[in-house]
């Protein structure tokens, strides 16, 4: 179970969408630590499908600050 204590989730509730999609560009990598993800998903399959369909930009899927797609 993933728990996320953020301003939007101040209680100790599990994160309903633990898979986050971020830009994989250099600027996106620098911003990932201090900005919101492009999209958040409840399942890995949905997140990977979304990231794989995007054209013109490179995206990465993260789970608990660990890159899971494309393979690190």
N, C-alpha and C. Protein backbone atom coordinates (compact mmCIF):
# COMPACT_ATOMS: atom_id res chain seq x y z
N UNK A 1 0.84 -1.17 0.00
CA UNK A 1 0.00 0.00 0.00
C UNK A 1 0.89 1.24 0.00
N UNK A 2 0.62 2.19 -0.92
CA UNK A 2 1.40 3.41 -1.04
C UNK A 2 0.70 4.52 -0.27
N UNK A 3 1.44 5.21 0.57
CA UNK A 3 0.86 6.32 1.33
C UNK A 3 1.53 7.61 0.87
N UNK A 4 0.73 8.62 0.68
CA UNK A 4 1.26 9.90 0.22
C UNK A 4 0.71 11.01 1.11
N UNK A 5 1.56 11.58 1.93
CA UNK A 5 1.16 12.71 2.76
C UNK A 5 1.52 13.98 2.02
N UNK A 6 0.55 14.61 1.43
CA UNK A 6 0.74 15.82 0.65
C UNK A 6 -0.31 16.83 1.10
N UNK A 7 -0.21 18.09 0.64
CA UNK A 7 -1.26 19.06 0.99
C UNK A 7 -2.65 18.60 0.53
N UNK A 8 -2.71 17.85 -0.60
CA UNK A 8 -3.99 17.36 -1.08
C UNK A 8 -4.45 16.13 -0.33
N UNK A 9 -3.55 15.45 0.38
CA UNK A 9 -3.87 14.23 1.11
C UNK A 9 -3.19 14.28 2.48
N UNK A 10 -3.68 15.17 3.38
CA UNK A 10 -3.01 15.36 4.68
C UNK A 10 -3.20 14.20 5.65
N UNK A 11 -4.13 13.29 5.37
CA UNK A 11 -4.36 12.16 6.26
C UNK A 11 -3.45 11.00 5.85
N UNK A 12 -3.55 9.92 6.55
CA UNK A 12 -2.71 8.76 6.31
C UNK A 12 -3.43 7.76 5.40
N UNK A 13 -3.98 8.24 4.28
CA UNK A 13 -4.72 7.39 3.34
C UNK A 13 -3.79 6.93 2.22
N UNK A 14 -4.04 5.74 1.66
CA UNK A 14 -3.21 5.28 0.54
C UNK A 14 -3.42 6.17 -0.69
N UNK A 15 -2.37 6.29 -1.48
CA UNK A 15 -2.43 7.08 -2.72
C UNK A 15 -3.29 6.32 -3.72
N UNK A 16 -4.41 6.90 -4.21
CA UNK A 16 -5.27 6.18 -5.15
C UNK A 16 -4.65 6.01 -6.53
N UNK A 17 -3.64 6.81 -6.85
CA UNK A 17 -2.98 6.73 -8.16
C UNK A 17 -1.47 6.78 -7.96
N UNK A 18 -0.87 5.65 -7.58
CA UNK A 18 0.57 5.66 -7.24
C UNK A 18 1.51 5.71 -8.44
N UNK A 19 1.02 5.48 -9.66
CA UNK A 19 1.87 5.49 -10.84
C UNK A 19 1.80 6.86 -11.50
N UNK A 20 2.93 7.56 -11.58
CA UNK A 20 2.98 8.92 -12.09
C UNK A 20 3.75 8.95 -13.41
N UNK A 21 3.25 9.73 -14.38
CA UNK A 21 3.90 9.89 -15.67
C UNK A 21 4.53 11.28 -15.71
N UNK A 22 5.84 11.34 -15.98
CA UNK A 22 6.58 12.59 -16.04
C UNK A 22 7.27 12.71 -17.40
N UNK A 23 7.57 13.95 -17.80
CA UNK A 23 8.37 14.18 -19.01
C UNK A 23 9.78 13.65 -18.78
N UNK A 24 10.39 13.09 -19.83
CA UNK A 24 11.72 12.51 -19.72
C UNK A 24 12.78 13.43 -20.33
N UNK A 25 12.41 14.65 -20.71
CA UNK A 25 13.39 15.59 -21.24
C UNK A 25 14.29 16.06 -20.11
N UNK A 26 15.38 16.72 -20.43
CA UNK A 26 16.30 17.20 -19.39
C UNK A 26 15.58 18.16 -18.44
N UNK A 27 14.82 19.08 -19.02
CA UNK A 27 14.08 20.03 -18.18
C UNK A 27 13.04 19.28 -17.33
N UNK A 28 12.40 18.28 -17.91
CA UNK A 28 11.42 17.50 -17.17
C UNK A 28 12.04 16.74 -16.03
N UNK A 29 13.24 16.20 -16.23
CA UNK A 29 13.92 15.48 -15.15
C UNK A 29 14.26 16.43 -14.01
N UNK A 30 14.68 17.64 -14.34
CA UNK A 30 15.02 18.61 -13.31
C UNK A 30 13.77 19.06 -12.55
N UNK A 31 12.66 19.17 -13.26
CA UNK A 31 11.42 19.66 -12.65
C UNK A 31 10.68 18.56 -11.88
N UNK A 32 10.95 17.29 -12.16
CA UNK A 32 10.17 16.20 -11.56
C UNK A 32 10.15 16.26 -10.04
N UNK A 33 11.27 16.65 -9.46
CA UNK A 33 11.36 16.67 -8.00
C UNK A 33 10.48 17.75 -7.39
N UNK A 34 10.16 18.79 -8.14
CA UNK A 34 9.40 19.88 -7.51
C UNK A 34 8.12 20.26 -8.25
N UNK A 35 7.67 19.40 -9.14
CA UNK A 35 6.42 19.71 -9.84
C UNK A 35 5.51 18.49 -9.86
N UNK A 36 4.29 18.71 -10.23
CA UNK A 36 3.31 17.64 -10.32
C UNK A 36 3.57 16.81 -11.58
N UNK A 37 3.20 15.54 -11.57
CA UNK A 37 3.34 14.71 -12.77
C UNK A 37 2.39 15.16 -13.86
N UNK A 38 2.67 14.73 -15.09
CA UNK A 38 1.78 15.04 -16.21
C UNK A 38 0.43 14.37 -15.98
N UNK A 39 0.45 13.09 -15.58
CA UNK A 39 -0.76 12.34 -15.26
C UNK A 39 -0.44 11.33 -14.18
N UNK A 40 -1.46 10.90 -13.46
CA UNK A 40 -1.32 9.86 -12.43
C UNK A 40 -2.33 8.76 -12.73
N UNK A 41 -1.93 7.52 -12.50
CA UNK A 41 -2.79 6.38 -12.80
C UNK A 41 -2.80 5.40 -11.63
N UNK A 42 -3.87 4.63 -11.55
CA UNK A 42 -4.00 3.64 -10.48
C UNK A 42 -3.24 2.35 -10.80
N UNK A 43 -3.04 2.05 -12.09
CA UNK A 43 -2.35 0.81 -12.45
C UNK A 43 -1.16 1.10 -13.35
N UNK A 44 -0.19 0.20 -13.29
CA UNK A 44 1.01 0.31 -14.11
C UNK A 44 0.66 0.21 -15.59
N UNK A 45 -0.24 -0.70 -15.96
CA UNK A 45 -0.60 -0.88 -17.37
C UNK A 45 -1.18 0.38 -17.98
N UNK A 46 -2.06 1.06 -17.25
CA UNK A 46 -2.64 2.31 -17.76
C UNK A 46 -1.57 3.37 -17.94
N UNK A 47 -0.67 3.48 -16.98
CA UNK A 47 0.39 4.50 -17.05
C UNK A 47 1.33 4.24 -18.22
N UNK A 48 1.74 3.00 -18.40
CA UNK A 48 2.65 2.65 -19.50
C UNK A 48 1.96 2.85 -20.85
N UNK A 49 0.69 2.48 -20.94
CA UNK A 49 -0.06 2.68 -22.19
C UNK A 49 -0.15 4.16 -22.54
N UNK A 50 -0.44 5.01 -21.55
CA UNK A 50 -0.52 6.45 -21.80
C UNK A 50 0.83 7.01 -22.24
N UNK A 51 1.90 6.66 -21.52
CA UNK A 51 3.23 7.18 -21.83
C UNK A 51 3.70 6.71 -23.21
N UNK A 52 3.37 5.51 -23.58
CA UNK A 52 3.78 4.97 -24.87
C UNK A 52 3.05 5.58 -26.05
N UNK A 53 1.85 6.13 -25.83
CA UNK A 53 1.06 6.71 -26.92
C UNK A 53 1.41 8.16 -27.23
N UNK A 54 2.12 8.82 -26.35
CA UNK A 54 2.39 10.25 -26.53
C UNK A 54 3.39 10.46 -27.67
N UNK A 55 3.09 11.41 -28.53
CA UNK A 55 3.95 11.69 -29.68
C UNK A 55 4.75 12.97 -29.46
N UNK A 56 5.97 13.00 -29.94
CA UNK A 56 6.77 14.21 -29.91
C UNK A 56 7.52 14.45 -28.61
N UNK A 57 7.14 13.84 -27.55
CA UNK A 57 7.82 14.01 -26.27
C UNK A 57 8.16 12.64 -25.72
N UNK A 58 9.09 12.59 -24.82
CA UNK A 58 9.45 11.34 -24.18
C UNK A 58 8.95 11.38 -22.74
N UNK A 59 8.29 10.32 -22.34
CA UNK A 59 7.69 10.24 -21.02
C UNK A 59 8.25 9.05 -20.26
N UNK A 60 8.21 9.12 -18.94
CA UNK A 60 8.65 8.02 -18.08
C UNK A 60 7.59 7.80 -17.01
N UNK A 61 7.45 6.55 -16.60
CA UNK A 61 6.50 6.19 -15.55
C UNK A 61 7.29 5.91 -14.27
N UNK A 62 6.85 6.51 -13.18
CA UNK A 62 7.50 6.35 -11.88
C UNK A 62 6.51 5.76 -10.88
N UNK A 63 7.03 4.94 -9.98
CA UNK A 63 6.25 4.40 -8.87
C UNK A 63 7.10 4.56 -7.62
N UNK A 64 6.62 5.34 -6.66
CA UNK A 64 7.37 5.63 -5.44
C UNK A 64 8.76 6.19 -5.75
N UNK A 65 8.86 7.15 -6.63
CA UNK A 65 10.12 7.78 -7.02
C UNK A 65 11.11 6.82 -7.68
N UNK A 66 10.63 5.70 -8.18
CA UNK A 66 11.49 4.75 -8.89
C UNK A 66 10.97 4.63 -10.31
N UNK A 67 11.84 4.84 -11.28
CA UNK A 67 11.46 4.77 -12.68
C UNK A 67 11.20 3.31 -13.05
N UNK A 68 10.01 3.04 -13.61
CA UNK A 68 9.69 1.67 -13.98
C UNK A 68 9.50 1.50 -15.49
N UNK A 69 9.32 2.60 -16.25
CA UNK A 69 9.17 2.50 -17.69
C UNK A 69 9.63 3.80 -18.31
N UNK A 70 10.38 3.81 -19.41
CA UNK A 70 11.05 2.65 -19.99
C UNK A 70 12.06 2.08 -19.02
N UNK A 71 12.48 0.88 -19.28
CA UNK A 71 13.37 0.18 -18.34
C UNK A 71 14.60 1.03 -18.04
N UNK A 72 14.92 1.20 -16.75
CA UNK A 72 16.08 2.04 -16.37
C UNK A 72 17.40 1.43 -16.78
